[in-house]
Amino acid sequence: MNIIIIGAGIAGLATALALQNKGVNVKVYDKNEGLETRGAALTLWSNGTHALRKLHVLEEVLEHSTILSMGNLYSSKGKRLESLPIQYSTPTVCIPRYVLLRILANRLEQGTIAWNKKIRYFAEKEVHFDDGRSVEADLVIAADGIHSVVRSQFINDSLRYSGYTSWRGISNTTLSSVYENAMTQYWGEGGRFGFIPLKGGKTYWFATANSIEGASKKEEVTKIISSLPNQASAIFEGQDHSEIIHLDIYDHRPVDKWSWGHTLLLGDSAHAMTASLGLGACTALEDAVCFSTCYTSSRSIKQIFGEFEAKRVPRVNGIVRLSKRIGMIGQLQNPLLVRLRNHVYPLVPRIWKKRIWDKLYGYTDI
């Protein structure tokens, strides 16, 4: 069967690798000139590293990652709201996104990826590119991200703006031992700030702020930093401002169908979510492993897609909805509601929180 994948992001590369590991021929087409060489980092929870273990790349990923054992949440004034240990079957780690992409791409067979192939339109089983060329396939996997061209041909919807914008970067700041092996977040009034240690004495950080869509600027992050504890300012001092990534935050409305005929949406093209739970990359890796299993265990494309959607849609759509709600809670701006949130959150029984974490981050059913 001739399989092509549109998009050489995490979802596309991982799916290609999962299929190649099972002896399946696949070709990946991407609109960019090559792999990203810089950018921000990402958290890979145990569900994500479990998928990487199945892809046989976990050991290499761990060489470039920090292992995390604790999640800490504070108010913007430094009051501890929660600390939960992170203990699952595989490690939870933080790694630069471009490093993960490089690891996945380097494991693919030479010639698997075709660059500078931007989709113009998609018809039946034929993909047409801007350069005037086209390719035919028996099965097309659309992993072309949150702005998926393929999705737009099957689903008449638009991105949902979350109500807040974001900044992120990798700082040349070494955290003190207090923050070693921990992910840390501060929740304030209408904004959040978080940071995680990286290999080589660097620190990944992110900040969010309520904003009108398209109205915020990169430079406005300094206002948020100045309102937070001194640790935030120390991290920001080590940041090259030219490399700060500024993005408004969007997601997709959850849909129950990800496939049409010979085409399947996967990763962000199927279920773009806000970053509030840190599960975007992890669910993409889950998708990749799950799809390869469905492909090798089913006889027809209809069966493959049906089995995949039955396993993935309920879980991932639930994550999309929960991530949106958590973002709304974290972005509360009314001072009274913020005080109420900061008072109530520590009172929620830890066993309830852990039960939710286990379902989200300890998931292995792929």
Protein backbone atom coordinates (compact mmCIF):
# COMPACT_ATOMS: atom_id res chain seq x y z
CA MET A 1 0.00 0.00 0.00
CA ASN A 2 1.31 3.46 -0.94
CA ILE A 3 1.20 5.69 2.17
CA ILE A 4 2.09 9.37 2.29
CA ILE A 5 2.20 11.70 5.28
CA ILE A 6 1.69 15.43 4.99
CA GLY A 7 3.78 17.30 7.55
CA ALA A 8 7.19 16.64 9.12
CA GLY A 9 6.34 17.77 12.63
CA ILE A 10 6.29 15.50 15.64
CA ALA A 11 3.11 13.69 14.57
CA GLY A 12 4.24 13.12 10.98
CA LEU A 13 7.79 12.02 11.77
CA ALA A 14 6.71 9.74 14.62
CA THR A 15 4.05 8.10 12.46
CA ALA A 16 6.53 7.55 9.64
CA LEU A 17 8.98 5.99 12.07
CA ALA A 18 6.31 3.80 13.67
CA LEU A 19 5.33 2.45 10.26
CA GLN A 20 8.90 1.98 9.05
CA ASN A 21 9.70 0.07 12.22
CA LYS A 22 7.04 -2.42 11.11
CA GLY A 23 8.38 -2.69 7.58
CA VAL A 24 5.89 -0.33 5.95
CA ASN A 25 7.03 2.00 3.17
CA VAL A 26 6.04 5.64 3.68
CA LYS A 27 6.87 9.06 2.25
CA VAL A 28 6.66 12.37 4.15
CA TYR A 29 6.05 15.73 2.42
CA ASP A 30 6.62 19.04 4.20
CA LYS A 31 6.24 22.68 3.14
CA ASN A 32 9.40 23.87 4.91
CA GLU A 33 12.99 23.83 3.70
CA GLY A 34 14.13 21.50 6.45
CA LEU A 35 13.92 20.69 10.15
CA GLU A 36 13.66 23.42 12.75
CA THR A 37 17.05 24.26 14.22
CA ARG A 38 15.98 26.37 17.19
CA GLY A 39 12.92 27.28 19.22
CA ALA A 40 11.31 26.40 22.52
CA ALA A 41 11.16 23.18 24.49
CA LEU A 42 8.37 20.83 25.44
CA THR A 43 7.40 18.48 28.23
CA LEU A 44 7.04 14.82 27.41
CA TRP A 45 5.03 13.16 30.14
CA SER A 46 5.18 9.43 30.75
CA ASN A 47 2.49 8.73 28.16
CA GLY A 48 4.72 10.44 25.59
CA THR A 49 7.93 8.72 26.63
CA HIS A 50 6.06 5.39 26.69
CA ALA A 51 5.29 6.01 23.03
CA LEU A 52 8.94 6.92 22.38
CA ARG A 53 10.00 3.65 23.96
CA LYS A 54 7.75 1.81 21.51
CA LEU A 55 9.39 3.81 18.72
CA HIS A 56 12.81 2.64 20.03
CA VAL A 57 14.15 6.18 20.51
CA LEU A 58 13.60 6.74 24.23
CA GLU A 59 17.21 6.13 25.25
CA GLU A 60 18.47 8.73 22.78
CA VAL A 61 15.81 11.21 23.89
CA LEU A 62 16.85 10.76 27.52
CA GLU A 63 20.44 11.69 26.61
CA HIS A 64 19.20 15.16 25.66
CA SER A 65 16.55 15.63 28.34
CA THR A 66 16.13 16.54 31.97
CA ILE A 67 14.09 14.07 33.96
CA LEU A 68 11.31 15.60 36.04
CA SER A 69 10.06 14.20 39.34
CA MET A 70 7.86 16.96 40.78
CA GLY A 71 5.21 19.43 39.65
CA ASN A 72 4.91 22.62 41.71
CA LEU A 73 2.20 25.28 41.47
CA TYR A 74 2.38 28.68 43.19
CA SER A 75 0.36 31.85 43.27
CA SER A 76 2.04 34.91 41.76
CA LYS A 77 2.88 36.00 45.31
CA GLY A 78 4.79 32.79 45.96
CA LYS A 79 2.17 30.87 47.96
CA ARG A 80 2.44 27.15 47.26
CA LEU A 81 -0.85 25.85 45.87
CA GLU A 82 0.21 22.27 45.14
CA SER A 83 3.14 19.89 44.78
CA LEU A 84 2.60 16.53 43.16
CA PRO A 85 5.26 13.85 42.56
CA ILE A 86 5.68 12.55 39.01
CA GLN A 87 6.16 8.79 39.16
CA TYR A 88 5.11 6.63 36.24
CA SER A 89 6.36 3.66 34.23
CA THR A 90 8.59 5.80 32.02
CA PRO A 91 10.24 9.13 32.87
CA THR A 92 8.69 12.56 32.35
CA VAL A 93 11.21 14.80 30.61
CA CYS A 94 11.81 18.23 29.11
CA ILE A 95 13.64 18.53 25.78
CA PRO A 96 14.04 21.22 23.12
CA ARG A 97 11.45 20.60 20.41
CA TYR A 98 13.98 20.84 17.59
CA VAL A 99 16.13 18.16 19.24
CA LEU A 100 13.20 15.74 19.37
CA LEU A 101 12.44 16.44 15.70
CA ARG A 102 16.07 15.75 14.76
CA ILE A 103 16.09 12.46 16.65
CA LEU A 104 12.92 11.25 14.95
CA ALA A 105 14.03 12.39 11.48
CA ASN A 106 17.48 10.81 11.80
CA ARG A 107 15.89 7.41 12.50
CA LEU A 108 13.95 7.47 9.23
CA GLU A 109 15.27 5.80 6.10
CA GLN A 110 17.21 8.13 3.82
CA GLY A 111 14.98 9.92 1.34
CA THR A 112 11.80 9.50 3.38
CA ILE A 113 11.20 13.26 3.69
CA ALA A 114 10.59 15.56 0.72
CA TRP A 115 11.03 19.25 1.62
CA ASN A 116 9.60 22.40 0.00
CA LYS A 117 6.34 20.62 -0.82
CA LYS A 118 3.51 22.96 0.11
CA ILE A 119 0.02 21.62 -0.51
CA ARG A 120 -2.14 23.55 -2.94
CA TYR A 121 -5.16 21.25 -2.74
CA PHE A 122 -6.17 17.66 -2.15
CA ALA A 123 -8.49 15.64 -4.38
CA GLU A 124 -9.51 12.03 -3.74
CA LYS A 125 -6.22 10.17 -3.40
CA GLU A 126 -4.09 12.79 -5.15
CA VAL A 127 -2.17 15.57 -3.42
CA HIS A 128 -1.27 18.64 -5.48
CA PHE A 129 1.62 20.91 -4.50
CA ASP A 130 2.41 24.56 -5.22
CA ASP A 131 5.31 23.56 -7.46
CA GLY A 132 2.82 22.09 -9.93
CA ARG A 133 3.59 18.47 -9.10
CA SER A 134 1.28 15.91 -7.53
CA VAL A 135 1.46 12.49 -5.91
CA GLU A 136 -1.05 9.69 -5.62
CA ALA A 137 -1.47 7.44 -2.60
CA ASP A 138 -3.65 4.61 -1.33
CA LEU A 139 -3.67 6.21 2.12
CA VAL A 140 -3.00 9.82 3.11
CA ILE A 141 -2.19 10.85 6.68
CA ALA A 142 -2.63 14.57 7.27
CA ALA A 143 -0.26 15.64 10.02
CA ASP A 144 0.05 19.21 8.78
CA GLY A 145 -0.64 20.88 12.10
CA ILE A 146 -3.06 23.34 13.59
CA HIS A 147 -3.40 25.22 10.28
CA SER A 148 -4.05 22.00 8.37
CA VAL A 149 -4.87 22.50 4.70
CA VAL A 150 -6.26 18.97 4.50
CA ARG A 151 -8.57 19.47 7.50
CA SER A 152 -10.03 22.59 5.91
CA GLN A 153 -11.19 20.53 2.93
CA PHE A 154 -13.23 18.16 5.11
CA ILE A 155 -14.27 20.24 8.14
CA ASN A 156 -15.85 23.66 7.84
CA ASP A 157 -14.59 25.17 11.07
CA SER A 158 -12.11 27.76 12.24
CA LEU A 159 -9.59 27.96 15.06
CA ARG A 160 -10.92 28.97 18.48
CA TYR A 161 -9.03 31.77 20.17
CA SER A 162 -8.43 30.97 23.83
CA GLY A 163 -8.55 34.57 25.04
CA TYR A 164 -4.85 34.67 25.91
CA THR A 165 -1.50 34.98 24.22
CA SER A 166 1.86 33.39 25.03
CA TRP A 167 5.61 33.88 25.06
CA ARG A 168 8.24 31.18 25.41
CA GLY A 169 11.94 30.72 25.08
CA ILE A 170 15.11 28.97 26.22
CA SER A 171 17.18 31.05 28.64
CA ASN A 172 20.90 30.75 29.31
CA THR A 173 20.12 30.65 33.01
CA THR A 174 21.01 27.85 35.38
CA LEU A 175 18.33 27.24 37.99
CA SER A 176 19.19 26.76 41.64
CA SER A 177 18.98 23.29 43.14
CA VAL A 178 15.57 24.19 44.61
CA TYR A 179 14.08 23.88 41.12
CA GLU A 180 16.11 20.87 40.00
CA ASN A 181 14.05 18.10 38.37
CA ALA A 182 10.81 20.06 38.80
CA MET A 183 8.31 21.85 36.60
CA THR A 184 7.22 25.08 38.25
CA GLN A 185 4.27 27.36 37.52
CA TYR A 186 3.02 30.64 38.95
CA TRP A 187 -0.64 31.58 38.48
CA GLY A 188 -1.44 35.27 38.74
CA GLU A 189 -4.26 37.58 37.71
CA GLY A 190 -4.87 36.99 34.01
CA GLY A 191 -1.52 35.34 33.42
CA ARG A 192 0.79 32.43 34.15
CA PHE A 193 4.54 31.87 34.18
CA GLY A 194 6.30 28.52 34.18
CA PHE A 195 9.80 27.14 33.84
CA ILE A 196 11.66 23.84 33.62
CA PRO A 197 15.41 23.08 33.73
CA LEU A 198 17.08 21.86 30.54
CA LYS A 199 20.33 20.04 29.82
CA GLY A 200 23.43 22.19 29.69
CA GLY A 201 22.44 24.65 32.39
CA LYS A 202 19.61 26.24 30.40
CA THR A 203 15.98 26.88 31.31
CA TYR A 204 12.80 26.59 29.29
CA TRP A 205 10.18 29.17 30.27
CA PHE A 206 6.76 30.31 29.14
CA ALA A 207 4.35 33.10 30.01
CA THR A 208 0.69 33.78 29.17
CA ALA A 209 -1.53 36.85 29.44
CA ASN A 210 -5.15 37.61 28.67
CA SER A 211 -5.31 39.65 25.49
CA ILE A 212 -7.48 40.59 22.55
CA GLU A 213 -6.68 38.36 19.58
CA GLY A 214 -3.79 39.76 17.56
CA ALA A 215 -3.35 42.79 19.83
CA SER A 216 -0.36 41.81 21.99
CA LYS A 217 3.31 42.33 21.13
CA LYS A 218 6.47 40.40 21.89
CA GLU A 219 7.84 43.20 24.10
CA GLU A 220 4.84 43.09 26.47
CA VAL A 221 6.19 39.98 28.19
CA THR A 222 8.42 42.24 30.31
CA LYS A 223 5.33 43.56 32.12
CA ILE A 224 4.38 40.04 33.20
CA ILE A 225 7.90 39.17 34.32
CA SER A 226 8.15 42.29 36.48
CA SER A 227 5.01 41.33 38.42
CA LEU A 228 6.31 37.88 39.37
CA PRO A 229 8.80 36.66 42.00
CA ASN A 230 12.49 37.40 41.43
CA GLN A 231 13.14 33.95 39.95
CA ALA A 232 11.16 34.92 36.84
CA SER A 233 13.29 38.03 36.31
CA ALA A 234 16.49 36.04 36.78
CA ILE A 235 15.41 33.58 34.09
CA PHE A 236 14.38 36.35 31.72
CA GLU A 237 17.74 38.10 32.09
CA GLY A 238 19.40 35.13 30.41
CA GLN A 239 17.05 35.18 27.43
CA ASP A 240 18.09 36.34 23.97
CA HIS A 241 15.08 38.54 23.14
CA SER A 242 15.43 37.90 19.42
CA GLU A 243 14.61 34.24 20.02
CA ILE A 244 11.46 34.72 22.09
CA ILE A 245 8.50 33.00 20.46
CA HIS A 246 5.24 34.96 20.71
CA LEU A 247 1.99 33.24 19.74
CA ASP A 248 -1.69 33.70 20.41
CA ILE A 249 -3.17 30.45 21.75
CA TYR A 250 -5.79 28.56 19.75
CA ASP A 251 -7.37 25.15 19.65
CA HIS A 252 -9.83 23.26 17.44
CA ARG A 253 -13.38 22.42 18.35
CA PRO A 254 -13.38 18.66 19.10
CA VAL A 255 -14.88 16.57 16.30
CA ASP A 256 -15.81 12.89 16.38
CA LYS A 257 -14.63 12.06 12.88
CA TRP A 258 -11.03 12.29 11.73
CA SER A 259 -11.19 10.24 8.52
CA TRP A 260 -12.77 10.52 5.09
CA GLY A 261 -12.31 7.88 2.42
CA HIS A 262 -8.57 7.29 2.15
CA THR A 263 -7.57 10.26 4.32
CA LEU A 264 -6.93 10.49 8.08
CA LEU A 265 -6.22 13.51 10.26
CA LEU A 266 -3.63 12.94 12.98
CA GLY A 267 -1.93 15.11 15.61
CA ASP A 268 -2.79 18.82 15.70
CA SER A 269 -4.65 18.63 12.41
CA ALA A 270 -7.16 16.39 14.19
CA HIS A 271 -7.10 17.70 17.75
CA ALA A 272 -5.17 20.93 18.26
CA MET A 273 -5.33 21.82 21.95
CA THR A 274 -4.13 24.57 24.26
CA ALA A 275 -0.88 23.97 26.11
CA SER A 276 -2.41 24.08 29.60
CA LEU A 277 -1.95 20.35 30.18
CA GLY A 278 1.29 20.01 28.20
CA LEU A 279 -0.10 17.12 26.17
CA GLY A 280 -0.01 18.27 22.55
CA ALA A 281 3.22 16.48 21.64
CA CYS A 282 2.40 13.50 23.85
CA THR A 283 -0.97 12.84 22.20
CA ALA A 284 0.67 13.16 18.77
CA LEU A 285 3.17 10.46 19.78
CA GLU A 286 0.31 8.32 21.09
CA ASP A 287 -1.45 8.77 17.73
CA ALA A 288 1.62 7.59 15.85
CA VAL A 289 2.09 4.37 17.80
CA CYS A 290 -1.63 3.62 17.90
CA PHE A 291 -2.02 4.12 14.15
CA SER A 292 0.86 1.78 13.33
CA THR A 293 -0.74 -0.88 15.55
CA CYS A 294 -4.13 -0.43 13.89
CA TYR A 295 -2.53 -0.53 10.45
CA THR A 296 -0.83 -3.86 11.02
CA SER A 297 -3.82 -5.47 12.76
CA SER A 298 -6.61 -4.49 10.33
CA ARG A 299 -7.27 -5.60 6.77
CA SER A 300 -8.85 -2.59 5.09
CA ILE A 301 -8.47 1.19 5.24
CA LYS A 302 -11.99 1.47 6.63
CA GLN A 303 -11.13 -0.97 9.42
CA ILE A 304 -7.82 0.77 10.15
CA PHE A 305 -9.44 4.18 10.46
CA GLY A 306 -12.41 2.83 12.41
CA GLU A 307 -10.22 1.08 14.97
CA PHE A 308 -7.94 4.12 15.30
CA GLU A 309 -10.81 6.56 15.84
CA ALA A 310 -12.50 4.26 18.35
CA LYS A 311 -9.32 4.20 20.44
CA ARG A 312 -8.22 7.81 20.07
CA VAL A 313 -11.21 10.14 19.66
CA PRO A 314 -12.80 9.76 23.13
CA ARG A 315 -9.52 10.16 25.02
CA VAL A 316 -8.08 13.02 23.02
CA ASN A 317 -11.28 15.03 22.70
CA GLY A 318 -11.63 14.80 26.48
CA ILE A 319 -8.10 16.20 26.82
CA VAL A 320 -8.89 19.08 24.44
CA ARG A 321 -11.92 20.05 26.54
CA LEU A 322 -10.11 19.71 29.87
CA SER A 323 -7.11 21.69 28.64
CA LYS A 324 -9.41 24.52 27.62
CA ARG A 325 -11.06 24.54 31.07
CA ILE A 326 -7.74 24.46 32.93
CA GLY A 327 -6.57 27.39 30.82
CA MET A 328 -9.66 29.39 31.76
CA ILE A 329 -9.03 28.71 35.47
CA GLY A 330 -5.35 29.60 35.19
CA GLN A 331 -6.17 32.83 33.33
CA LEU A 332 -8.76 34.14 35.79
CA GLN A 333 -8.31 37.90 36.10
CA ASN A 334 -10.94 39.10 38.57
CA PRO A 335 -9.04 39.56 41.88
CA LEU A 336 -11.89 38.05 43.90
CA LEU A 337 -12.08 34.95 41.71
CA VAL A 338 -8.29 34.64 41.77
CA ARG A 339 -8.26 34.68 45.58
CA LEU A 340 -11.07 32.11 45.61
CA ARG A 341 -9.16 29.89 43.17
CA ASN A 342 -5.97 30.13 45.21
CA HIS A 343 -7.88 29.29 48.38
CA VAL A 344 -9.90 26.37 46.99
CA TYR A 345 -7.26 24.66 44.83
CA PRO A 346 -5.10 23.45 47.77
CA LEU A 347 -8.24 22.10 49.47
CA VAL A 348 -9.10 19.70 46.66
CA PRO A 349 -8.07 16.22 47.88
CA ARG A 350 -4.71 15.24 46.45
CA ILE A 351 -6.00 11.77 45.66
CA TRP A 352 -8.53 13.32 43.25
CA LYS A 353 -5.83 15.32 41.51
CA LYS A 354 -3.55 12.30 41.29
CA ARG A 355 -6.35 10.21 39.82
CA ILE A 356 -6.74 12.76 37.02
CA TRP A 357 -2.97 12.97 36.49
CA ASP A 358 -2.74 9.19 36.27
CA LYS A 359 -5.38 9.04 33.52
CA LEU A 360 -3.77 11.86 31.59
CA TYR A 361 -0.06 11.28 32.06
CA GLY A 362 0.25 7.63 33.05
CA TYR A 363 -1.66 6.37 30.02
CA THR A 364 -0.12 3.36 28.24
CA ASP A 365 -2.99 1.83 26.26
CA ILE A 366 -1.55 2.36 22.80
